[in-house]
Amino acid sequence: MNDSLRMLQDLARTLTRVYDTVQFVQPLGRLPKGIGLPDWIAPTLALGALLSLVVLSGVALASLATLVTSLFVAAMILDAVFGIAVEIAS
């Protein structure tokens, strides 16, 4: 009985240390200790993170559109100037 109680206490201490180290944050919940920001700013931080992901997705799509456009122009130039036809095999 004494050994199992000691093991449970060690497990509780270890989990507490892991929790304090990782500092789990719930979505729109409390911020980790030591950042120096009030708790009411958590929704703003979550919204800012979401907006940054949206902006980065837009940049990636714009890059993809630029790549496709440049490949299309390169294929047109190859056909019009050099007479090399680029076809997609089916």
Foldseek 3Di string as FASTA:
>chain_A
DVVVVVVVVVVVVVVVVVCLVVVDADQLAADRPPPPDDSNCRVVVVVVVVVVVVVVVVVVVVVVVVVVVVVVVVQVCCCPPVVDHDDDDD
